[in-house]
Protein backbone atom coordinates (compact mmCIF):
# COMPACT_ATOMS: atom_id res chain seq x y z
CA MET A 1 -30.91 110.76 -54.35
CA THR A 2 -27.88 109.44 -52.78
CA GLU A 3 -28.43 107.90 -49.16
CA THR A 4 -26.24 109.35 -46.55
CA LYS A 5 -25.40 105.88 -45.17
CA ASP A 6 -23.81 104.92 -48.49
CA LEU A 7 -21.52 107.81 -48.71
CA PRO A 8 -17.78 107.29 -48.06
CA PRO A 9 -16.55 107.82 -44.47
CA ARG A 10 -14.32 110.81 -43.69
CA LEU A 11 -11.02 110.55 -41.64
CA THR A 12 -12.15 108.05 -39.03
CA ARG A 13 -8.79 106.16 -39.15
CA LEU A 14 -6.87 109.29 -38.10
CA THR A 15 -6.24 110.33 -34.50
CA PHE A 16 -4.56 113.62 -35.50
CA HIS A 17 -5.12 115.69 -38.64
CA GLY A 18 -1.42 115.66 -39.56
CA PRO A 19 1.66 113.40 -39.49
CA LEU A 20 1.77 113.18 -35.65
CA SER A 21 2.65 109.69 -33.76
CA GLU A 22 1.23 108.88 -30.54
CA SER A 23 4.77 109.09 -28.88
CA ARG A 24 5.54 112.45 -30.30
CA ALA A 25 1.94 113.91 -29.18
CA THR A 26 2.82 112.41 -25.63
CA GLY A 27 6.08 114.26 -25.55
CA LEU A 28 4.43 117.55 -26.74
CA VAL A 29 1.63 117.37 -24.32
CA ASP A 30 4.03 116.72 -21.45
CA ARG A 31 6.08 119.57 -22.25
CA LEU A 32 3.19 121.88 -22.73
CA ALA A 33 1.51 121.03 -19.53
CA LEU A 34 4.81 121.73 -17.62
CA ALA A 35 4.01 125.55 -18.30
CA LYS A 36 0.68 125.20 -16.52
CA PRO A 37 -1.44 126.81 -18.94
CA SER A 38 -4.81 127.90 -17.63
CA THR A 39 -6.30 128.82 -20.95
CA VAL A 40 -5.80 127.05 -24.31
CA LEU A 41 -6.69 128.39 -27.81
CA ASP A 42 -6.51 125.80 -30.68
CA ILE A 43 -6.67 127.76 -34.12
CA GLY A 44 -8.00 125.52 -37.04
CA CYS A 45 -8.43 122.93 -34.34
CA GLY A 46 -10.36 120.42 -36.58
CA TRP A 47 -11.53 117.84 -33.87
CA GLY A 48 -8.94 119.20 -31.48
CA GLU A 49 -7.43 116.02 -30.29
CA LEU A 50 -4.32 117.59 -29.09
CA MET A 51 -6.03 120.24 -27.39
CA LEU A 52 -8.24 117.74 -25.43
CA ARG A 53 -4.92 115.73 -24.33
CA VAL A 54 -3.39 119.13 -22.98
CA LEU A 55 -6.52 119.77 -20.97
CA GLU A 56 -6.37 116.32 -19.44
CA ALA A 57 -2.82 116.88 -18.41
CA ALA A 58 -3.23 120.53 -17.26
CA SER A 59 -5.61 120.40 -14.25
CA GLY A 60 -8.33 123.03 -14.35
CA ALA A 61 -7.26 124.47 -17.70
CA THR A 62 -10.06 125.51 -20.10
CA GLY A 63 -9.81 125.39 -24.03
CA ARG A 64 -11.42 126.82 -26.99
CA GLY A 65 -11.14 125.43 -30.46
CA ILE A 66 -12.01 127.46 -33.41
CA ASP A 67 -12.49 125.87 -37.01
CA LEU A 68 -14.90 126.32 -39.95
CA ASN A 69 -15.64 122.65 -40.49
CA GLY A 70 -18.81 121.89 -38.50
CA GLU A 71 -18.30 118.07 -38.80
CA ASP A 72 -14.86 118.24 -37.37
CA LEU A 73 -16.20 120.28 -34.62
CA ALA A 74 -19.03 117.99 -33.72
CA ARG A 75 -16.52 115.22 -33.59
CA GLY A 76 -14.40 117.23 -31.12
CA ARG A 77 -17.60 117.96 -28.95
CA ALA A 78 -18.40 114.30 -28.96
CA ASN A 79 -14.80 113.39 -27.86
CA ALA A 80 -14.71 115.98 -25.15
CA ALA A 81 -18.06 114.69 -23.62
CA ALA A 82 -16.84 111.14 -23.75
CA ARG A 83 -13.52 112.12 -21.75
CA GLY A 84 -15.50 114.14 -19.24
CA LEU A 85 -14.29 117.46 -20.57
CA ALA A 86 -17.26 119.20 -21.94
CA ASP A 87 -17.52 121.68 -19.25
CA ARG A 88 -13.89 122.72 -19.88
CA VAL A 89 -13.83 123.19 -23.51
CA GLU A 90 -15.89 124.68 -26.25
CA PHE A 91 -15.64 124.23 -30.09
CA VAL A 92 -16.67 127.16 -32.14
CA GLU A 93 -17.39 127.44 -35.81
CA GLN A 94 -15.77 130.84 -36.77
CA SER A 95 -12.98 132.41 -38.48
CA ALA A 96 -9.72 133.21 -36.78
CA THR A 97 -9.07 136.45 -38.82
CA ASP A 98 -12.80 137.79 -38.76
CA THR A 99 -13.35 137.56 -34.95
CA ALA A 100 -11.43 139.20 -32.01
CA LEU A 101 -9.80 136.41 -30.00
CA ALA A 102 -8.48 136.69 -26.43
CA PRO A 103 -4.85 135.99 -25.78
CA ALA A 104 -4.35 132.57 -24.29
CA ASP A 105 -1.56 130.72 -22.13
CA LEU A 106 -1.10 128.09 -24.87
CA VAL A 107 -1.83 128.79 -28.44
CA LEU A 108 -1.97 125.73 -30.89
CA CYS A 109 -1.81 126.29 -34.63
CA LEU A 110 -1.08 122.97 -36.12
CA SER A 111 -0.75 123.56 -39.97
CA ALA A 112 -3.46 126.11 -39.83
CA SER A 113 -1.44 129.28 -40.79
CA HIS A 114 -4.08 129.73 -43.49
CA ALA A 115 -6.57 130.53 -40.68
CA LEU A 116 -4.58 133.57 -39.68
CA SER A 117 -3.59 135.24 -42.98
CA GLY A 118 -4.87 135.52 -46.48
CA ALA A 119 -1.38 136.18 -47.80
CA GLU A 120 0.41 133.92 -50.26
CA PRO A 121 3.28 131.64 -49.09
CA PRO A 122 5.78 132.09 -47.69
CA GLN A 123 4.57 135.53 -46.41
CA LEU A 124 1.63 133.47 -45.08
CA THR A 125 3.80 131.97 -42.49
CA THR A 126 5.32 135.25 -41.41
CA GLU A 127 2.00 136.89 -40.88
CA ALA A 128 0.68 133.87 -38.93
CA LEU A 129 3.65 134.01 -36.59
CA HIS A 130 3.28 137.66 -35.88
CA ALA A 131 -0.51 136.96 -35.30
CA LEU A 132 0.28 134.21 -32.88
CA ARG A 133 2.73 136.48 -31.01
CA ARG A 134 -0.17 138.77 -30.41
CA LEU A 135 -2.50 135.85 -29.22
CA VAL A 136 -0.21 134.36 -26.52
CA THR A 137 0.01 135.84 -23.01
CA PRO A 138 3.37 136.69 -21.54
CA GLY A 139 5.34 133.66 -20.31
CA GLY A 140 2.92 131.54 -22.30
CA ARG A 141 3.81 128.98 -25.16
CA VAL A 142 2.72 128.54 -28.83
CA LEU A 143 2.88 125.25 -30.66
CA PHE A 144 3.27 125.98 -34.19
CA ALA A 145 3.44 123.24 -36.86
CA ASP A 146 4.01 124.32 -40.33
CA GLY A 147 5.61 123.04 -43.56
CA TYR A 148 9.16 123.40 -44.83
CA TRP A 149 11.42 121.88 -47.50
CA GLN A 150 13.35 119.14 -46.27
CA ARG A 151 15.52 119.75 -49.50
CA PRO A 152 14.97 122.01 -52.62
CA PRO A 153 12.38 120.38 -54.81
CA THR A 154 12.94 119.54 -58.40
CA GLN A 155 10.78 120.86 -61.11
CA THR A 156 9.54 117.37 -61.71
CA GLU A 157 8.49 117.08 -58.15
CA LEU A 158 6.74 120.43 -58.06
CA SER A 159 4.80 119.68 -61.26
CA ALA A 160 3.65 116.59 -59.54
CA MET A 161 2.40 118.50 -56.29
CA TRP A 162 -0.60 120.74 -55.87
CA PRO A 163 -1.54 123.07 -58.76
CA ASP A 164 1.09 125.99 -59.13
CA ALA A 165 3.41 124.58 -56.43
CA ARG A 166 6.59 126.66 -56.18
CA ALA A 167 9.97 126.32 -54.81
CA ASP A 168 9.62 129.52 -52.79
CA GLU A 169 6.47 128.56 -51.12
CA TYR A 170 8.22 127.14 -47.99
CA HIS A 171 11.55 127.88 -46.31
CA ASP A 172 14.00 125.39 -45.14
CA LEU A 173 13.88 124.46 -41.48
CA ALA A 174 16.55 127.09 -40.43
CA GLY A 175 14.59 129.65 -42.36
CA LEU A 176 11.32 128.68 -40.79
CA VAL A 177 12.79 128.93 -37.22
CA ASP A 178 14.35 132.19 -38.15
CA ARG A 179 10.95 133.58 -39.19
CA ALA A 180 9.61 132.58 -35.59
CA VAL A 181 12.63 134.41 -33.93
CA GLU A 182 11.91 137.59 -36.09
CA ALA A 183 8.34 137.44 -35.11
CA GLY A 184 9.20 137.69 -31.29
CA PHE A 185 9.61 134.19 -29.97
CA ARG A 186 12.57 131.94 -28.66
CA PRO A 187 12.29 128.27 -29.95
CA ALA A 188 12.24 126.07 -26.79
CA TRP A 189 11.94 122.92 -28.78
CA THR A 190 12.21 122.19 -32.55
CA GLU A 191 11.34 118.81 -33.94
CA THR A 192 10.07 117.39 -37.30
CA ALA A 193 7.78 114.57 -38.44
CA ASN A 194 9.44 111.56 -39.72
CA ARG A 195 8.79 109.28 -42.69
CA ASP A 196 6.67 106.77 -40.63
CA GLU A 197 4.46 109.41 -39.27
CA TRP A 198 4.14 110.75 -42.77
CA GLU A 199 3.13 107.41 -44.25
CA ALA A 200 0.81 106.69 -41.34
CA PHE A 201 -0.97 110.10 -41.88
CA GLU A 202 -1.16 109.88 -45.63
CA SER A 203 -2.48 106.31 -45.53
CA GLY A 204 -4.92 107.17 -42.85
CA TYR A 205 -6.05 110.36 -44.82
CA GLN A 206 -7.07 107.96 -47.75
CA SER A 207 -7.91 104.65 -46.02
CA ASP A 208 -11.56 105.16 -45.43
CA LYS A 209 -12.31 106.11 -49.02
CA GLU A 210 -10.13 103.54 -50.59
CA VAL A 211 -11.82 100.70 -48.66
CA TRP A 212 -15.24 102.27 -49.31
CA LEU A 213 -14.40 102.36 -53.16
CA ALA A 214 -13.24 98.82 -53.24
CA ALA A 215 -16.71 97.80 -51.88
CA HIS A 216 -18.76 100.38 -53.96
CA PRO A 217 -17.09 100.47 -57.54
CA ASP A 218 -20.28 101.30 -59.32
CA HIS A 219 -21.76 103.81 -56.74
CA PRO A 220 -22.78 107.26 -58.27
CA LEU A 221 -19.81 108.77 -56.28
CA ALA A 222 -17.15 106.27 -57.20
CA GLU A 223 -15.78 107.94 -60.16
CA GLU A 224 -15.39 111.21 -58.65
CA THR A 225 -14.06 109.47 -55.45
CA ARG A 226 -11.48 107.44 -57.52
CA ALA A 227 -10.33 110.61 -59.14
CA LYS A 228 -9.63 112.45 -55.98
CA LEU A 229 -7.98 109.49 -54.21
CA ASP A 230 -5.69 108.81 -57.36
CA GLY A 231 -4.86 112.44 -57.78
CA HIS A 232 -3.87 112.91 -54.05
CA ARG A 233 -1.74 109.82 -53.81
CA ALA A 234 0.08 110.89 -56.92
CA ASN A 235 0.75 114.19 -55.39
CA TRP A 236 2.15 112.56 -52.29
CA LEU A 237 4.00 109.69 -53.81
CA ARG A 238 5.38 111.46 -57.17
CA GLY A 239 5.59 114.92 -55.48
CA TYR A 240 6.25 115.90 -51.87
CA ARG A 241 7.14 112.60 -50.22
CA ASP A 242 10.41 113.20 -48.72
CA VAL A 243 10.51 116.79 -49.88
CA LEU A 244 7.91 118.53 -48.00
CA GLY A 245 8.24 118.27 -44.22
CA ILE A 246 6.33 119.38 -41.04
CA ALA A 247 8.18 121.07 -38.21
CA TYR A 248 6.64 121.24 -34.77
CA LEU A 249 8.15 124.45 -32.92
CA THR A 250 7.45 125.01 -29.39
CA LEU A 251 7.86 128.75 -29.02
CA VAL A 252 8.13 131.02 -25.97
CA PRO A 253 7.28 134.83 -26.53
CA VAL A 254 10.15 137.44 -25.67
CA GLY A 255 9.23 139.98 -23.06
């Protein structure tokens, strides 16, 4: 039986579960806090780092993060307690589609469209935006992070990405913003992750396990771990690097 202490660590080198720099996060938090939200809902929150920062910046606001990953939620609770926010935030293990959610003044949905719809892309993005429109209070804000094609992918690039990757899975940036407008929002701020943010994220995503694998080449889990690491790195470097982008849209509901 494999000892838990011998298992490869998971995502300890990531502050955010996405290509998001400290400087961009600070700008996002500052702008979102200006709207003075009293309630924050983080869908597919993971460990909810950006939500915690918003709560620190928005005095008296309360937050709720929902996700299906119990390990990430436990990390979020520990971080909240360490920062004196435990009484202002809850992390709940639940589905965003199977549970009625109360509207909030600020709704965060960071690369978590899949938590709001079971549709296939790109309809997934459209349905998620309509769900978010129902979940934000009048005058509130939505921070929506989602993928877009920086340029049309070649067939060679598609074949190196995830299984069954398609050119019509994502919109370009203009098309993504159009979908948000059609869902009942105005885009107050549009920004995109840069290459440095992507490289920091992808490296951090793999780094824990790469270092562990170098120290445990003969571990019972080494072969499986090596295959996953090599596969993901190939998907990124040969497939979606400089092709797939992440947009951060700060959206204001109309009416």
